[in-house]
Structures are given as structure tokens and as C-alpha cells.
Amino acid sequence: MENKIFIVDDEGKEVEMNILFTFNNEDNDYVVVFENSKPDMLYAFRYDEEGNLYAVEDEDELAMVEEVVSAFEGQEE
């Protein structure tokens, strides 16, 4: 069974996303997701205890997430 979440896009449309993985860094929890139709396009969100998602937009935070994704992809090969 695949883990899925639904995200509302900028146009108000609900989009089904597949969870690639989650991770914790310092005091934040993150989820990395993708759409079935665009598996090469990854999206990262920070989330809280209630399950609220927050887009990762800070450049330093994005760089950290990219490093984690690269390490994950390296383990997958």
C-alpha cells in the first residue's frame, strides 16, 4: 500500500501526491512527495503535529532538503 496525501494547489484543485519519504532535521519534520504523472518532480513540505503542511521556501532550508533528497536517491541506487 502506498502512502498518499492530498494537497490543494494554487488554483484550489485537490492533487493526490505520493509520499516518497519523511524526515526530521533539528526541530522540523519534512515530507517529500511527488505526483504519479510527474514522478521526477519532487515537492518538499514542512509539517506540524496536526498535519498542517508548509511549503519550504527559504533558500537555506531548500538546500538542506536537496541534500537529504540526494542522499536518499544515492541509497536507492
N, C-alpha and C. Protein backbone atom coordinates (compact mmCIF):
# COMPACT_ATOMS: atom_id res chain seq x y z
N MET A 1 0.84 -1.19 0.00
CA MET A 1 0.00 0.00 0.00
C MET A 1 0.89 1.25 0.00
N GLU A 2 0.61 2.15 -0.90
CA GLU A 2 1.39 3.38 -1.00
C GLU A 2 0.82 4.43 -0.05
N ASN A 3 1.68 5.24 0.49
CA ASN A 3 1.24 6.35 1.32
C ASN A 3 0.94 7.53 0.43
N LYS A 4 -0.24 8.12 0.62
CA LYS A 4 -0.66 9.24 -0.20
C LYS A 4 -1.17 10.36 0.68
N ILE A 5 -1.04 11.58 0.18
CA ILE A 5 -1.67 12.73 0.81
C ILE A 5 -2.32 13.55 -0.30
N PHE A 6 -3.23 14.41 0.08
CA PHE A 6 -3.88 15.30 -0.87
C PHE A 6 -3.50 16.72 -0.52
N ILE A 7 -3.08 17.46 -1.54
CA ILE A 7 -2.64 18.84 -1.38
C ILE A 7 -3.51 19.71 -2.27
N VAL A 8 -3.92 20.85 -1.76
CA VAL A 8 -4.69 21.81 -2.56
C VAL A 8 -3.70 22.73 -3.25
N ASP A 9 -3.75 22.77 -4.59
CA ASP A 9 -2.79 23.61 -5.34
C ASP A 9 -3.22 25.07 -5.35
N ASP A 10 -2.47 25.90 -6.05
CA ASP A 10 -2.72 27.34 -6.10
C ASP A 10 -4.07 27.69 -6.72
N GLU A 11 -4.62 26.78 -7.52
CA GLU A 11 -5.89 27.01 -8.19
C GLU A 11 -7.06 26.44 -7.40
N GLY A 12 -6.78 25.90 -6.21
CA GLY A 12 -7.83 25.34 -5.36
C GLY A 12 -8.20 23.90 -5.71
N LYS A 13 -7.43 23.28 -6.58
CA LYS A 13 -7.69 21.90 -7.00
C LYS A 13 -6.96 20.95 -6.07
N GLU A 14 -7.64 19.89 -5.65
CA GLU A 14 -7.03 18.89 -4.78
C GLU A 14 -6.20 17.92 -5.64
N VAL A 15 -4.92 17.75 -5.27
CA VAL A 15 -4.00 16.92 -6.03
C VAL A 15 -3.53 15.76 -5.15
N GLU A 16 -3.64 14.54 -5.66
CA GLU A 16 -3.16 13.37 -4.93
C GLU A 16 -1.65 13.26 -5.11
N MET A 17 -0.93 13.15 -3.99
CA MET A 17 0.52 13.06 -4.01
C MET A 17 0.95 11.78 -3.32
N ASN A 18 2.04 11.20 -3.81
CA ASN A 18 2.64 10.03 -3.20
C ASN A 18 3.77 10.47 -2.29
N ILE A 19 3.82 9.90 -1.10
CA ILE A 19 4.89 10.23 -0.17
C ILE A 19 6.12 9.40 -0.51
N LEU A 20 7.21 10.07 -0.85
CA LEU A 20 8.47 9.39 -1.13
C LEU A 20 9.14 9.01 0.20
N PHE A 21 9.26 9.99 1.10
CA PHE A 21 9.77 9.72 2.44
C PHE A 21 9.54 10.94 3.33
N THR A 22 9.69 10.73 4.62
CA THR A 22 9.63 11.81 5.60
C THR A 22 10.95 11.81 6.37
N PHE A 23 11.29 12.95 6.94
CA PHE A 23 12.49 13.01 7.77
C PHE A 23 12.38 14.17 8.75
N ASN A 24 13.23 14.14 9.76
CA ASN A 24 13.29 15.18 10.77
C ASN A 24 14.68 15.79 10.74
N ASN A 25 14.73 17.11 10.83
CA ASN A 25 16.01 17.82 10.90
C ASN A 25 15.86 18.92 11.94
N GLU A 26 16.64 18.82 12.99
CA GLU A 26 16.57 19.75 14.12
C GLU A 26 15.16 19.70 14.71
N ASP A 27 14.42 20.79 14.67
CA ASP A 27 13.09 20.83 15.28
C ASP A 27 11.96 20.71 14.27
N ASN A 28 12.26 20.42 13.01
CA ASN A 28 11.24 20.38 11.97
C ASN A 28 11.09 18.99 11.36
N ASP A 29 9.85 18.68 10.99
CA ASP A 29 9.55 17.45 10.27
C ASP A 29 9.23 17.81 8.83
N TYR A 30 9.69 16.96 7.91
CA TYR A 30 9.51 17.22 6.48
C TYR A 30 8.92 15.99 5.79
N VAL A 31 8.22 16.26 4.69
CA VAL A 31 7.72 15.20 3.83
C VAL A 31 8.10 15.57 2.40
N VAL A 32 8.57 14.58 1.64
CA VAL A 32 8.91 14.76 0.23
C VAL A 32 7.92 13.94 -0.57
N VAL A 33 7.25 14.59 -1.53
CA VAL A 33 6.16 13.95 -2.27
C VAL A 33 6.32 14.15 -3.77
N PHE A 34 5.53 13.38 -4.54
CA PHE A 34 5.50 13.52 -6.00
C PHE A 34 4.14 13.09 -6.51
N GLU A 35 3.79 13.57 -7.72
CA GLU A 35 2.56 13.15 -8.39
C GLU A 35 2.86 11.93 -9.25
N ASN A 36 1.88 11.03 -9.42
CA ASN A 36 2.07 9.87 -10.29
C ASN A 36 2.43 10.30 -11.71
N SER A 37 1.80 11.36 -12.19
CA SER A 37 2.02 11.80 -13.57
C SER A 37 3.36 12.52 -13.75
N LYS A 38 3.99 12.93 -12.64
CA LYS A 38 5.26 13.66 -12.71
C LYS A 38 6.22 13.12 -11.65
N PRO A 39 6.65 11.85 -11.76
CA PRO A 39 7.47 11.26 -10.70
C PRO A 39 8.85 11.90 -10.54
N ASP A 40 9.34 12.63 -11.54
CA ASP A 40 10.64 13.28 -11.43
C ASP A 40 10.57 14.65 -10.75
N MET A 41 9.35 15.13 -10.52
CA MET A 41 9.14 16.45 -9.92
C MET A 41 8.82 16.25 -8.44
N LEU A 42 9.78 16.56 -7.57
CA LEU A 42 9.59 16.37 -6.14
C LEU A 42 9.21 17.69 -5.47
N TYR A 43 8.39 17.57 -4.45
CA TYR A 43 7.96 18.72 -3.66
C TYR A 43 8.26 18.42 -2.20
N ALA A 44 8.72 19.42 -1.46
CA ALA A 44 9.02 19.24 -0.04
C ALA A 44 8.17 20.20 0.79
N PHE A 45 7.66 19.67 1.89
CA PHE A 45 6.87 20.47 2.81
C PHE A 45 7.33 20.21 4.24
N ARG A 46 7.26 21.22 5.05
CA ARG A 46 7.44 21.08 6.48
C ARG A 46 6.05 20.79 7.03
N TYR A 47 5.93 19.96 8.07
CA TYR A 47 4.62 19.72 8.65
C TYR A 47 4.68 19.74 10.17
N ASP A 48 3.53 20.04 10.78
CA ASP A 48 3.46 20.13 12.24
C ASP A 48 2.71 18.93 12.81
N GLU A 49 2.55 18.92 14.12
CA GLU A 49 1.92 17.79 14.80
C GLU A 49 0.47 17.57 14.37
N GLU A 50 -0.19 18.61 13.90
CA GLU A 50 -1.59 18.49 13.45
C GLU A 50 -1.69 18.07 11.99
N GLY A 51 -0.55 17.94 11.31
CA GLY A 51 -0.55 17.53 9.92
C GLY A 51 -0.66 18.67 8.93
N ASN A 52 -0.54 19.91 9.40
CA ASN A 52 -0.57 21.06 8.51
C ASN A 52 0.73 21.11 7.71
N LEU A 53 0.61 21.39 6.42
CA LEU A 53 1.77 21.47 5.54
C LEU A 53 2.17 22.92 5.28
N TYR A 54 3.48 23.15 5.20
CA TYR A 54 4.02 24.47 4.91
C TYR A 54 5.08 24.32 3.83
N ALA A 55 4.94 25.06 2.76
CA ALA A 55 5.91 25.00 1.66
C ALA A 55 7.29 25.39 2.15
N VAL A 56 8.29 24.68 1.69
CA VAL A 56 9.68 25.01 2.02
C VAL A 56 10.14 26.04 0.99
N GLU A 57 10.35 27.28 1.43
CA GLU A 57 10.69 28.36 0.52
C GLU A 57 12.02 29.03 0.84
N ASP A 58 12.49 28.91 2.08
CA ASP A 58 13.74 29.51 2.49
C ASP A 58 14.90 28.83 1.75
N GLU A 59 15.82 29.61 1.19
CA GLU A 59 16.91 29.07 0.38
C GLU A 59 17.79 28.09 1.15
N ASP A 60 18.13 28.41 2.39
CA ASP A 60 18.96 27.51 3.19
C ASP A 60 18.22 26.21 3.50
N GLU A 61 16.94 26.33 3.80
CA GLU A 61 16.13 25.15 4.09
C GLU A 61 15.98 24.29 2.84
N LEU A 62 15.77 24.94 1.69
CA LEU A 62 15.67 24.19 0.42
C LEU A 62 16.97 23.46 0.12
N ALA A 63 18.10 24.10 0.36
CA ALA A 63 19.40 23.46 0.13
C ALA A 63 19.56 22.23 1.02
N MET A 64 19.13 22.33 2.27
CA MET A 64 19.21 21.20 3.19
C MET A 64 18.33 20.05 2.70
N VAL A 65 17.11 20.36 2.26
CA VAL A 65 16.20 19.33 1.75
C VAL A 65 16.80 18.68 0.51
N GLU A 66 17.38 19.46 -0.38
CA GLU A 66 18.00 18.91 -1.59
C GLU A 66 19.14 17.95 -1.23
N GLU A 67 19.91 18.27 -0.20
CA GLU A 67 20.98 17.37 0.24
C GLU A 67 20.40 16.05 0.75
N VAL A 68 19.33 16.12 1.50
CA VAL A 68 18.70 14.90 2.03
C VAL A 68 18.14 14.07 0.88
N VAL A 69 17.49 14.72 -0.09
CA VAL A 69 16.94 14.00 -1.25
C VAL A 69 18.07 13.34 -2.03
N SER A 70 19.17 14.04 -2.24
CA SER A 70 20.31 13.46 -2.96
C SER A 70 20.86 12.24 -2.23
N ALA A 71 20.97 12.33 -0.91
CA ALA A 71 21.45 11.19 -0.13
C ALA A 71 20.47 10.03 -0.23
N PHE A 72 19.18 10.31 -0.19
CA PHE A 72 18.14 9.27 -0.32
C PHE A 72 18.25 8.59 -1.68
N GLU A 73 18.37 9.40 -2.74
CA GLU A 73 18.48 8.84 -4.09
C GLU A 73 19.74 8.00 -4.23
N GLY A 74 20.82 8.40 -3.59
CA GLY A 74 22.05 7.63 -3.62
C GLY A 74 21.89 6.26 -2.96
N GLN A 75 21.09 6.19 -1.93
CA GLN A 75 20.82 4.92 -1.24
C GLN A 75 19.92 4.02 -2.07
N GLU A 76 19.06 4.62 -2.89
CA GLU A 76 18.11 3.86 -3.71
C GLU A 76 18.79 3.13 -4.86
N GLU A 77 19.94 3.63 -5.30
CA GLU A 77 20.61 3.04 -6.47
C GLU A 77 21.36 1.79 -6.15
